[in-house]
């Protein structure tokens, strides 16, 4: 599956004239393979490797910060704060409208949209922690996870991975 996703990530899509990340293809292929029964559901938890995989993914995220300097961070702090405030307000307005159209709870729509701020894997870790904290029994946790985890994971991939690829492709074509 990983090899197939990597190969698909090297193909230029003619309609949009750009490549789609192998990570996005891996997500798409995995959902399809799990749906048709080719892959087992919840395999990371069954193999007791969920925690180590999340740790490894977080290290990959933090690796990108190794070249950041205090001066660099000081120069972007004010624009970043303004961007976050405007972005969260815009998300709130859009989520209110979308939640009515899709007939879903506003808070779930808003939480899903907020994954644009932190993406994957933090959204998986936060969602699991919230479900654990709110539940008293394993059945309650399983129910909460079944309701919250899928939209949060898809939201994280959609807002961060897919949108980043599309926006980067558009800017690349402009320059």
N, C-alpha and C. Protein backbone atom coordinates (compact mmCIF):
# COMPACT_ATOMS: atom_id res chain seq x y z
N UNK A 1 0.83 -1.18 0.00
CA UNK A 1 0.00 0.00 0.00
C UNK A 1 0.88 1.26 0.00
N UNK A 2 1.94 1.23 0.82
CA UNK A 2 2.85 2.37 0.88
C UNK A 2 3.55 2.62 -0.44
N UNK A 3 3.99 1.53 -1.07
CA UNK A 3 4.66 1.66 -2.37
C UNK A 3 3.72 2.25 -3.40
N UNK A 4 2.48 1.76 -3.42
CA UNK A 4 1.47 2.25 -4.36
C UNK A 4 1.21 3.74 -4.14
N UNK A 5 1.11 4.15 -2.88
CA UNK A 5 0.88 5.57 -2.57
C UNK A 5 2.07 6.42 -3.00
N UNK A 6 3.28 5.91 -2.80
CA UNK A 6 4.48 6.65 -3.22
C UNK A 6 4.50 6.82 -4.73
N UNK A 7 4.17 5.76 -5.45
CA UNK A 7 4.15 5.84 -6.91
C UNK A 7 3.08 6.82 -7.39
N UNK A 8 1.91 6.78 -6.78
CA UNK A 8 0.83 7.70 -7.16
C UNK A 8 1.22 9.14 -6.86
N UNK A 9 2.02 9.35 -5.81
CA UNK A 9 2.49 10.69 -5.47
C UNK A 9 3.44 11.28 -6.49
N UNK A 10 4.01 10.45 -7.35
CA UNK A 10 4.93 10.92 -8.39
C UNK A 10 4.22 11.27 -9.70
N UNK A 11 2.93 11.01 -9.78
CA UNK A 11 2.17 11.25 -11.00
C UNK A 11 1.59 12.65 -10.99
N UNK A 12 1.75 13.37 -12.08
CA UNK A 12 1.16 14.70 -12.21
C UNK A 12 -0.29 14.54 -12.67
N UNK A 13 -1.22 15.14 -11.92
CA UNK A 13 -2.64 15.08 -12.27
C UNK A 13 -2.90 16.16 -13.33
N UNK A 14 -3.29 15.77 -14.55
CA UNK A 14 -3.43 16.76 -15.63
C UNK A 14 -4.48 17.85 -15.36
N UNK A 15 -5.57 17.50 -14.72
CA UNK A 15 -6.66 18.46 -14.50
C UNK A 15 -6.19 19.63 -13.66
N UNK A 16 -5.40 19.36 -12.63
CA UNK A 16 -4.92 20.43 -11.75
C UNK A 16 -3.45 20.76 -11.99
N UNK A 17 -2.81 20.02 -12.90
CA UNK A 17 -1.42 20.23 -13.29
C UNK A 17 -0.45 20.23 -12.11
N UNK A 18 -0.63 19.28 -11.19
CA UNK A 18 0.31 19.14 -10.08
C UNK A 18 0.23 17.74 -9.49
N UNK A 19 1.21 17.45 -8.64
CA UNK A 19 1.26 16.16 -7.96
C UNK A 19 0.51 16.25 -6.65
N UNK A 20 -0.11 15.14 -6.26
CA UNK A 20 -0.75 15.03 -4.95
C UNK A 20 0.17 14.18 -4.09
N UNK A 21 0.42 14.63 -2.88
CA UNK A 21 1.36 13.98 -1.97
C UNK A 21 1.06 12.50 -1.80
N UNK A 22 2.13 11.73 -1.65
CA UNK A 22 1.98 10.30 -1.39
C UNK A 22 1.24 10.03 -0.09
N UNK A 23 1.37 10.95 0.89
CA UNK A 23 0.65 10.79 2.16
C UNK A 23 -0.87 10.86 1.93
N UNK A 24 -1.29 11.74 1.04
CA UNK A 24 -2.73 11.85 0.73
C UNK A 24 -3.19 10.58 0.04
N UNK A 25 -2.39 10.08 -0.91
CA UNK A 25 -2.75 8.83 -1.58
C UNK A 25 -2.79 7.67 -0.60
N UNK A 26 -1.86 7.66 0.35
CA UNK A 26 -1.85 6.59 1.36
C UNK A 26 -3.14 6.60 2.16
N UNK A 27 -3.61 7.80 2.52
CA UNK A 27 -4.87 7.91 3.25
C UNK A 27 -6.03 7.40 2.40
N UNK A 28 -6.09 7.82 1.16
CA UNK A 28 -7.18 7.41 0.27
C UNK A 28 -7.17 5.90 0.05
N UNK A 29 -6.00 5.36 -0.28
CA UNK A 29 -5.89 3.92 -0.53
C UNK A 29 -6.19 3.10 0.73
N UNK A 30 -5.77 3.60 1.87
CA UNK A 30 -6.03 2.88 3.13
C UNK A 30 -7.50 2.84 3.47
N UNK A 31 -8.19 3.94 3.26
CA UNK A 31 -9.64 3.98 3.53
C UNK A 31 -10.35 3.00 2.61
N UNK A 32 -9.98 3.00 1.34
CA UNK A 32 -10.60 2.08 0.39
C UNK A 32 -10.29 0.63 0.76
N UNK A 33 -9.03 0.34 1.06
CA UNK A 33 -8.63 -1.03 1.39
C UNK A 33 -9.29 -1.52 2.67
N UNK A 34 -9.46 -0.66 3.65
CA UNK A 34 -10.14 -1.04 4.89
C UNK A 34 -11.62 -1.26 4.64
N UNK A 35 -12.22 -0.40 3.82
CA UNK A 35 -13.65 -0.52 3.52
C UNK A 35 -13.98 -1.83 2.81
N UNK A 36 -13.11 -2.26 1.90
CA UNK A 36 -13.39 -3.50 1.17
C UNK A 36 -12.89 -4.73 1.92
N UNK A 37 -12.25 -4.54 3.09
CA UNK A 37 -11.83 -5.66 3.91
C UNK A 37 -10.41 -6.15 3.66
N UNK A 38 -9.65 -5.45 2.82
CA UNK A 38 -8.27 -5.85 2.54
C UNK A 38 -7.35 -5.58 3.73
N UNK A 39 -7.58 -4.47 4.42
CA UNK A 39 -6.81 -4.14 5.62
C UNK A 39 -7.70 -4.29 6.85
N UNK A 40 -7.08 -4.65 7.96
CA UNK A 40 -7.79 -4.80 9.22
C UNK A 40 -8.06 -3.43 9.85
N UNK A 41 -9.20 -3.28 10.50
CA UNK A 41 -9.51 -2.04 11.20
C UNK A 41 -8.75 -1.98 12.51
N UNK A 42 -8.36 -0.78 12.90
CA UNK A 42 -7.73 -0.51 14.20
C UNK A 42 -6.47 -1.36 14.42
N UNK A 43 -5.69 -1.55 13.36
CA UNK A 43 -4.53 -2.44 13.44
C UNK A 43 -3.43 -1.92 14.37
N UNK A 44 -3.25 -0.61 14.47
CA UNK A 44 -2.21 -0.09 15.37
C UNK A 44 -2.52 -0.42 16.82
N UNK A 45 -3.77 -0.28 17.22
CA UNK A 45 -4.14 -0.62 18.60
C UNK A 45 -4.08 -2.12 18.83
N UNK A 46 -4.48 -2.91 17.84
CA UNK A 46 -4.41 -4.37 17.99
C UNK A 46 -2.97 -4.85 18.12
N UNK A 47 -2.05 -4.16 17.46
CA UNK A 47 -0.63 -4.52 17.53
C UNK A 47 0.07 -3.84 18.71
N UNK A 48 -0.68 -3.07 19.49
CA UNK A 48 -0.15 -2.33 20.64
C UNK A 48 1.02 -1.43 20.23
N UNK A 49 0.89 -0.78 19.08
CA UNK A 49 1.96 0.09 18.59
C UNK A 49 1.48 1.51 18.33
N UNK A 50 0.26 1.84 18.72
CA UNK A 50 -0.30 3.17 18.47
C UNK A 50 0.56 4.25 19.11
N UNK A 51 0.96 4.08 20.35
CA UNK A 51 1.73 5.08 21.07
C UNK A 51 3.08 5.35 20.44
N UNK A 52 3.80 4.33 20.04
CA UNK A 52 5.12 4.52 19.46
C UNK A 52 5.02 5.16 18.07
N UNK A 53 3.97 4.83 17.33
CA UNK A 53 3.78 5.45 16.01
C UNK A 53 3.47 6.94 16.18
N UNK A 54 2.62 7.29 17.15
CA UNK A 54 2.32 8.70 17.40
C UNK A 54 3.58 9.45 17.84
N UNK A 55 4.39 8.81 18.67
CA UNK A 55 5.66 9.41 19.10
C UNK A 55 6.56 9.68 17.90
N UNK A 56 6.69 8.71 17.02
CA UNK A 56 7.54 8.86 15.84
C UNK A 56 7.02 9.97 14.93
N UNK A 57 5.71 10.04 14.76
CA UNK A 57 5.14 11.10 13.93
C UNK A 57 5.38 12.48 14.54
N UNK A 58 5.28 12.58 15.85
CA UNK A 58 5.53 13.86 16.51
C UNK A 58 7.00 14.27 16.35
N UNK A 59 7.90 13.32 16.40
CA UNK A 59 9.32 13.64 16.19
C UNK A 59 9.56 14.16 14.78
N UNK A 60 8.84 13.61 13.82
CA UNK A 60 8.94 14.09 12.44
C UNK A 60 8.47 15.54 12.35
N UNK A 61 7.38 15.87 13.07
CA UNK A 61 6.86 17.24 13.08
C UNK A 61 7.88 18.18 13.71
N UNK A 62 8.42 17.81 14.87
CA UNK A 62 9.36 18.68 15.57
C UNK A 62 10.69 18.80 14.83
N UNK A 63 11.03 17.85 13.98
CA UNK A 63 12.26 17.92 13.20
C UNK A 63 12.28 19.17 12.32
N UNK A 64 11.11 19.61 11.88
CA UNK A 64 11.02 20.81 11.05
C UNK A 64 11.37 22.08 11.79
N UNK A 65 11.40 22.05 13.11
CA UNK A 65 11.69 23.24 13.91
C UNK A 65 13.17 23.38 14.26
N UNK A 66 14.00 22.45 13.83
CA UNK A 66 15.40 22.44 14.25
C UNK A 66 16.19 23.65 13.76
N UNK A 67 15.74 24.29 12.70
CA UNK A 67 16.47 25.45 12.18
C UNK A 67 15.90 26.77 12.66
N UNK A 68 14.84 26.73 13.46
CA UNK A 68 14.22 27.97 13.95
C UNK A 68 15.11 28.62 15.01
N UNK A 69 15.20 29.94 14.93
CA UNK A 69 15.97 30.71 15.91
C UNK A 69 15.02 31.63 16.66
N UNK A 70 15.40 32.10 17.85
CA UNK A 70 14.54 33.03 18.59
C UNK A 70 14.21 34.29 17.78
N UNK A 71 15.19 34.78 17.02
CA UNK A 71 14.96 35.97 16.20
C UNK A 71 13.91 35.71 15.12
N UNK A 72 14.00 34.52 14.52
CA UNK A 72 13.04 34.15 13.49
C UNK A 72 11.63 34.09 14.08
N UNK A 73 11.50 33.49 15.25
CA UNK A 73 10.19 33.38 15.89
C UNK A 73 9.67 34.75 16.32
N UNK A 74 10.56 35.62 16.83
CA UNK A 74 10.14 36.96 17.25
C UNK A 74 9.62 37.77 16.07
N UNK A 75 10.19 37.55 14.89
CA UNK A 75 9.76 38.29 13.71
C UNK A 75 8.40 37.88 13.17
N UNK A 76 7.96 36.69 13.51
CA UNK A 76 6.69 36.21 12.96
C UNK A 76 5.57 36.15 14.00
N UNK A 77 5.86 36.48 15.25
CA UNK A 77 4.87 36.29 16.31
C UNK A 77 3.62 37.15 16.14
N UNK A 78 3.79 38.44 15.84
CA UNK A 78 2.62 39.32 15.69
C UNK A 78 1.77 38.93 14.48
N UNK A 79 2.37 38.78 13.28
CA UNK A 79 1.55 38.33 12.15
C UNK A 79 0.87 36.98 12.42
N UNK A 80 1.55 36.08 13.14
CA UNK A 80 0.98 34.78 13.44
C UNK A 80 -0.24 34.92 14.35
N UNK A 81 -0.15 35.76 15.36
CA UNK A 81 -1.28 35.97 16.27
C UNK A 81 -2.48 36.55 15.52
N UNK A 82 -2.23 37.54 14.68
CA UNK A 82 -3.31 38.15 13.89
C UNK A 82 -3.94 37.12 12.96
N UNK A 83 -3.10 36.34 12.31
CA UNK A 83 -3.60 35.30 11.40
C UNK A 83 -4.45 34.28 12.13
N UNK A 84 -4.02 33.87 13.32
CA UNK A 84 -4.78 32.88 14.09
C UNK A 84 -6.13 33.45 14.51
N UNK A 85 -6.16 34.68 14.98
CA UNK A 85 -7.42 35.29 15.42
C UNK A 85 -8.40 35.41 14.25
N UNK A 86 -7.92 35.95 13.14
CA UNK A 86 -8.80 36.11 11.96
C UNK A 86 -9.23 34.73 11.44
N UNK A 87 -8.29 33.78 11.40
CA UNK A 87 -8.61 32.45 10.90
C UNK A 87 -9.64 31.72 11.76
N UNK A 88 -9.48 31.79 13.07
CA UNK A 88 -10.41 31.11 13.97
C UNK A 88 -11.80 31.76 13.89
N UNK A 89 -11.85 33.07 13.78
CA UNK A 89 -13.14 33.74 13.63
C UNK A 89 -13.81 33.31 12.33
N UNK A 90 -13.03 33.28 11.23
CA UNK A 90 -13.58 32.84 9.95
C UNK A 90 -14.04 31.40 9.99
N UNK A 91 -13.28 30.54 10.67
CA UNK A 91 -13.67 29.14 10.81
C UNK A 91 -15.00 29.03 11.56
N UNK A 92 -15.13 29.82 12.61
CA UNK A 92 -16.37 29.79 13.40
C UNK A 92 -17.58 30.15 12.56
N UNK A 93 -17.46 31.20 11.77
CA UNK A 93 -18.58 31.64 10.92
C UNK A 93 -18.90 30.57 9.89
N UNK A 94 -17.87 30.07 9.20
CA UNK A 94 -18.08 29.05 8.19
C UNK A 94 -18.64 27.76 8.79
N UNK A 95 -18.14 27.37 9.97
CA UNK A 95 -18.62 26.15 10.62
C UNK A 95 -20.07 26.26 11.04
N UNK A 96 -20.47 27.45 11.44
CA UNK A 96 -21.88 27.65 11.80
C UNK A 96 -22.76 27.39 10.58
N UNK A 97 -22.37 27.93 9.45
CA UNK A 97 -23.15 27.74 8.22
C UNK A 97 -23.11 26.29 7.77
N UNK A 98 -21.91 25.71 7.72
CA UNK A 98 -21.74 24.32 7.26
C UNK A 98 -22.47 23.34 8.18
N UNK A 99 -22.43 23.59 9.50
CA UNK A 99 -23.10 22.67 10.43
C UNK A 99 -24.60 22.66 10.20
N UNK A 100 -25.15 23.79 9.82
CA UNK A 100 -26.60 23.83 9.52
C UNK A 100 -26.89 23.09 8.21
N UNK A 101 -26.05 23.30 7.21
CA UNK A 101 -26.26 22.65 5.91
C UNK A 101 -26.11 21.12 6.04
N UNK A 102 -25.08 20.67 6.75
CA UNK A 102 -24.83 19.23 6.89
C UNK A 102 -25.57 18.59 8.05
N UNK A 103 -26.31 19.41 8.81
CA UNK A 103 -27.09 18.93 9.95
C UNK A 103 -26.22 18.16 10.94
N UNK A 104 -25.12 18.80 11.34
CA UNK A 104 -24.23 18.20 12.32
C UNK A 104 -24.03 19.20 13.45
N UNK A 105 -23.63 18.74 14.63
CA UNK A 105 -23.43 19.66 15.75
C UNK A 105 -22.35 20.71 15.43
N UNK A 106 -22.64 21.96 15.75
CA UNK A 106 -21.71 23.05 15.49
C UNK A 106 -20.36 22.80 16.15
N UNK A 107 -20.37 22.34 17.40
CA UNK A 107 -19.11 22.14 18.12
C UNK A 107 -18.23 21.07 17.46
N UNK A 108 -18.84 20.02 16.91
CA UNK A 108 -18.06 19.01 16.20
C UNK A 108 -17.50 19.60 14.91
N UNK A 109 -18.31 20.37 14.20
CA UNK A 109 -17.83 21.01 12.97
C UNK A 109 -16.69 21.97 13.28
N UNK A 110 -16.82 22.73 14.35
CA UNK A 110 -15.78 23.70 14.72
C UNK A 110 -14.51 22.99 15.17
N UNK A 111 -14.65 21.94 15.98
CA UNK A 111 -13.48 21.17 16.42
C UNK A 111 -12.76 20.55 15.22
N UNK A 112 -13.52 20.06 14.26
CA UNK A 112 -12.92 19.48 13.06
C UNK A 112 -12.17 20.54 12.26
N UNK A 113 -12.75 21.71 12.13
CA UNK A 113 -12.09 22.80 11.39
C UNK A 113 -10.83 23.27 12.11
N UNK A 114 -10.84 23.23 13.43
CA UNK A 114 -9.67 23.67 14.19
C UNK A 114 -8.45 22.78 13.97
N UNK A 115 -8.66 21.61 13.39
CA UNK A 115 -7.50 20.76 13.10
C UNK A 115 -6.57 21.43 12.10
N UNK A 116 -7.05 22.47 11.42
CA UNK A 116 -6.18 23.22 10.51
C UNK A 116 -5.05 23.90 11.28
N UNK A 117 -5.26 24.14 12.56
CA UNK A 117 -4.23 24.80 13.37
C UNK A 117 -3.16 23.84 13.84
N UNK A 118 -3.50 22.59 14.04
CA UNK A 118 -2.50 21.67 14.59
C UNK A 118 -2.34 20.39 13.80
N UNK A 119 -3.26 20.05 12.92
CA UNK A 119 -3.11 18.92 12.01
C UNK A 119 -2.94 17.56 12.66
N UNK A 120 -2.34 16.67 11.90
CA UNK A 120 -2.12 15.29 12.33
C UNK A 120 -0.64 15.11 12.64
N UNK A 121 -0.27 14.46 13.70
CA UNK A 121 -0.96 13.60 14.64
C UNK A 121 -1.49 14.27 15.91
N UNK A 122 -1.20 15.56 16.18
CA UNK A 122 -1.76 16.12 17.42
C UNK A 122 -3.27 15.99 17.53
N UNK A 123 -4.00 16.10 16.41
CA UNK A 123 -5.46 15.98 16.51
C UNK A 123 -5.87 14.58 16.97
N UNK A 124 -5.13 13.55 16.58
CA UNK A 124 -5.43 12.19 17.03
C UNK A 124 -5.17 12.05 18.53
N UNK A 125 -4.07 12.62 18.99
CA UNK A 125 -3.71 12.53 20.40
C UNK A 125 -4.71 13.31 21.26
N UNK A 126 -5.07 14.51 20.83
CA UNK A 126 -6.03 15.33 21.57
C UNK A 126 -7.40 14.65 21.63
N UNK A 127 -7.86 14.14 20.49
CA UNK A 127 -9.17 13.49 20.45
C UNK A 127 -9.22 12.28 21.37
N UNK A 128 -8.18 11.46 21.33
CA UNK A 128 -8.16 10.28 22.19
C UNK A 128 -8.12 10.68 23.67
N UNK A 129 -7.36 11.71 24.00
CA UNK A 129 -7.28 12.18 25.38
C UNK A 129 -8.63 12.71 25.87
N UNK A 130 -9.32 13.44 25.01
CA UNK A 130 -10.64 13.97 25.37
C UNK A 130 -11.63 12.83 25.58
N UNK A 131 -11.63 11.86 24.68
CA UNK A 131 -12.54 10.72 24.81
C UNK A 131 -12.25 9.93 26.09
N UNK A 132 -10.98 9.78 26.43
CA UNK A 132 -10.62 9.08 27.66
C UNK A 132 -11.08 9.86 28.88
N UNK A 133 -10.89 11.17 28.86
CA UNK A 133 -11.25 12.00 30.01
C UNK A 133 -12.76 12.09 30.21
N UNK A 134 -13.52 12.08 29.12
CA UNK A 134 -14.97 12.23 29.22
C UNK A 134 -15.72 10.93 29.50
N UNK A 135 -15.06 9.81 29.31
CA UNK A 135 -15.77 8.53 29.46
C UNK A 135 -15.46 7.88 30.80
N UNK A 136 -16.45 7.15 31.29
CA UNK A 136 -16.28 6.41 32.55
C UNK A 136 -16.09 4.92 32.31
N UNK A 137 -16.59 4.43 31.17
CA UNK A 137 -16.45 3.01 30.85
C UNK A 137 -15.80 2.87 29.47
N UNK A 138 -15.34 1.67 29.19
CA UNK A 138 -14.72 1.46 27.88
C UNK A 138 -15.75 1.57 26.75
N UNK A 139 -17.02 1.24 27.05
CA UNK A 139 -18.08 1.36 26.05
C UNK A 139 -18.32 2.83 25.70
N UNK A 140 -18.31 3.69 26.73
CA UNK A 140 -18.49 5.12 26.48
C UNK A 140 -17.33 5.67 25.65
N UNK A 141 -16.12 5.25 25.98
CA UNK A 141 -14.95 5.73 25.23
C UNK A 141 -15.03 5.25 23.78
N UNK A 142 -15.42 4.00 23.59
CA UNK A 142 -15.54 3.47 22.24
C UNK A 142 -16.58 4.24 21.44
N UNK A 143 -17.72 4.58 22.09
CA UNK A 143 -18.76 5.34 21.40
C UNK A 143 -18.25 6.74 21.04
N UNK A 144 -17.61 7.42 22.00
CA UNK A 144 -17.08 8.76 21.73
C UNK A 144 -16.04 8.72 20.61
N UNK A 145 -15.16 7.73 20.65
CA UNK A 145 -14.14 7.61 19.61
C UNK A 145 -14.79 7.38 18.25
N UNK A 146 -15.85 6.57 18.21
CA UNK A 146 -16.50 6.30 16.93
C UNK A 146 -17.19 7.54 16.36
N UNK A 147 -17.61 8.45 17.25
CA UNK A 147 -18.28 9.67 16.80
C UNK A 147 -17.30 10.81 16.49
N UNK A 148 -16.21 10.89 17.26
CA UNK A 148 -15.31 12.03 17.14
C UNK A 148 -14.06 11.75 16.30
N UNK A 149 -13.50 10.57 16.42
CA UNK A 149 -12.20 10.29 15.81
C UNK A 149 -12.23 10.38 14.27
N UNK A 150 -13.18 9.74 13.58
CA UNK A 150 -13.16 9.83 12.11
C UNK A 150 -13.21 11.25 11.56
N UNK A 151 -14.14 12.11 12.03
CA UNK A 151 -14.13 13.47 11.46
C UNK A 151 -12.86 14.25 11.80
N UNK A 152 -12.30 14.01 12.98
CA UNK A 152 -11.10 14.74 13.37
C UNK A 152 -9.90 14.31 12.53
N UNK A 153 -9.76 13.02 12.27
CA UNK A 153 -8.63 12.53 11.46
C UNK A 153 -8.77 13.01 10.02
N UNK A 154 -9.96 12.85 9.47
CA UNK A 154 -10.18 13.32 8.09
C UNK A 154 -10.00 14.83 8.02
N UNK A 155 -10.49 15.54 9.03
CA UNK A 155 -10.31 16.99 9.07
C UNK A 155 -8.85 17.38 9.12
N UNK A 156 -8.06 16.68 9.91
CA UNK A 156 -6.63 16.98 10.00
C UNK A 156 -5.92 16.75 8.68
N UNK A 157 -6.21 15.64 8.03
CA UNK A 157 -5.58 15.37 6.74
C UNK A 157 -6.07 16.35 5.68
N UNK A 158 -7.37 16.64 5.71
CA UNK A 158 -7.94 17.52 4.69
C UNK A 158 -7.41 18.93 4.81
N UNK A 159 -7.46 19.47 6.03
CA UNK A 159 -7.07 20.87 6.20
C UNK A 159 -5.59 21.09 6.10
N UNK A 160 -4.80 20.16 6.59
CA UNK A 160 -3.36 20.37 6.60
C UNK A 160 -2.70 19.75 5.38
N UNK A 161 -2.88 18.47 5.17
CA UNK A 161 -2.15 17.78 4.11
C UNK A 161 -2.66 18.15 2.73
N UNK A 162 -3.94 17.88 2.48
CA UNK A 162 -4.47 18.10 1.13
C UNK A 162 -4.48 19.58 0.77
N UNK A 163 -4.97 20.42 1.66
CA UNK A 163 -5.04 21.85 1.37
C UNK A 163 -3.65 22.43 1.18
N UNK A 164 -2.69 22.00 2.00
CA UNK A 164 -1.31 22.48 1.84
C UNK A 164 -0.75 22.12 0.48
N UNK A 165 -1.02 20.91 0.04
CA UNK A 165 -0.52 20.46 -1.27
C UNK A 165 -1.14 21.31 -2.38
N UNK A 166 -2.43 21.54 -2.31
CA UNK A 166 -3.12 22.31 -3.35
C UNK A 166 -2.62 23.76 -3.35
N UNK A 167 -2.55 24.38 -2.17
CA UNK A 167 -2.10 25.78 -2.10
C UNK A 167 -0.65 25.90 -2.56
N UNK A 168 0.21 24.97 -2.12
CA UNK A 168 1.61 25.01 -2.55
C UNK A 168 1.72 24.85 -4.06
N UNK A 169 0.90 23.97 -4.62
CA UNK A 169 0.90 23.79 -6.07
C UNK A 169 0.45 25.03 -6.81
N UNK A 170 -0.57 25.70 -6.27
CA UNK A 170 -1.04 26.94 -6.91
C UNK A 170 0.03 28.02 -6.85
N UNK A 171 0.68 28.19 -5.69
CA UNK A 171 1.73 29.20 -5.58
C UNK A 171 2.93 28.85 -6.45
N UNK A 172 3.24 27.58 -6.57
CA UNK A 172 4.35 27.17 -7.42
C UNK A 172 4.07 27.53 -8.87
N UNK A 173 2.83 27.33 -9.31
CA UNK A 173 2.47 27.66 -10.67
C UNK A 173 2.46 29.17 -10.91
N UNK A 174 2.19 29.96 -9.87
CA UNK A 174 2.17 31.41 -10.02
C UNK A 174 3.58 31.99 -10.16
N UNK A 175 4.54 31.35 -9.51
CA UNK A 175 5.90 31.91 -9.49
C UNK A 175 6.70 31.43 -10.63
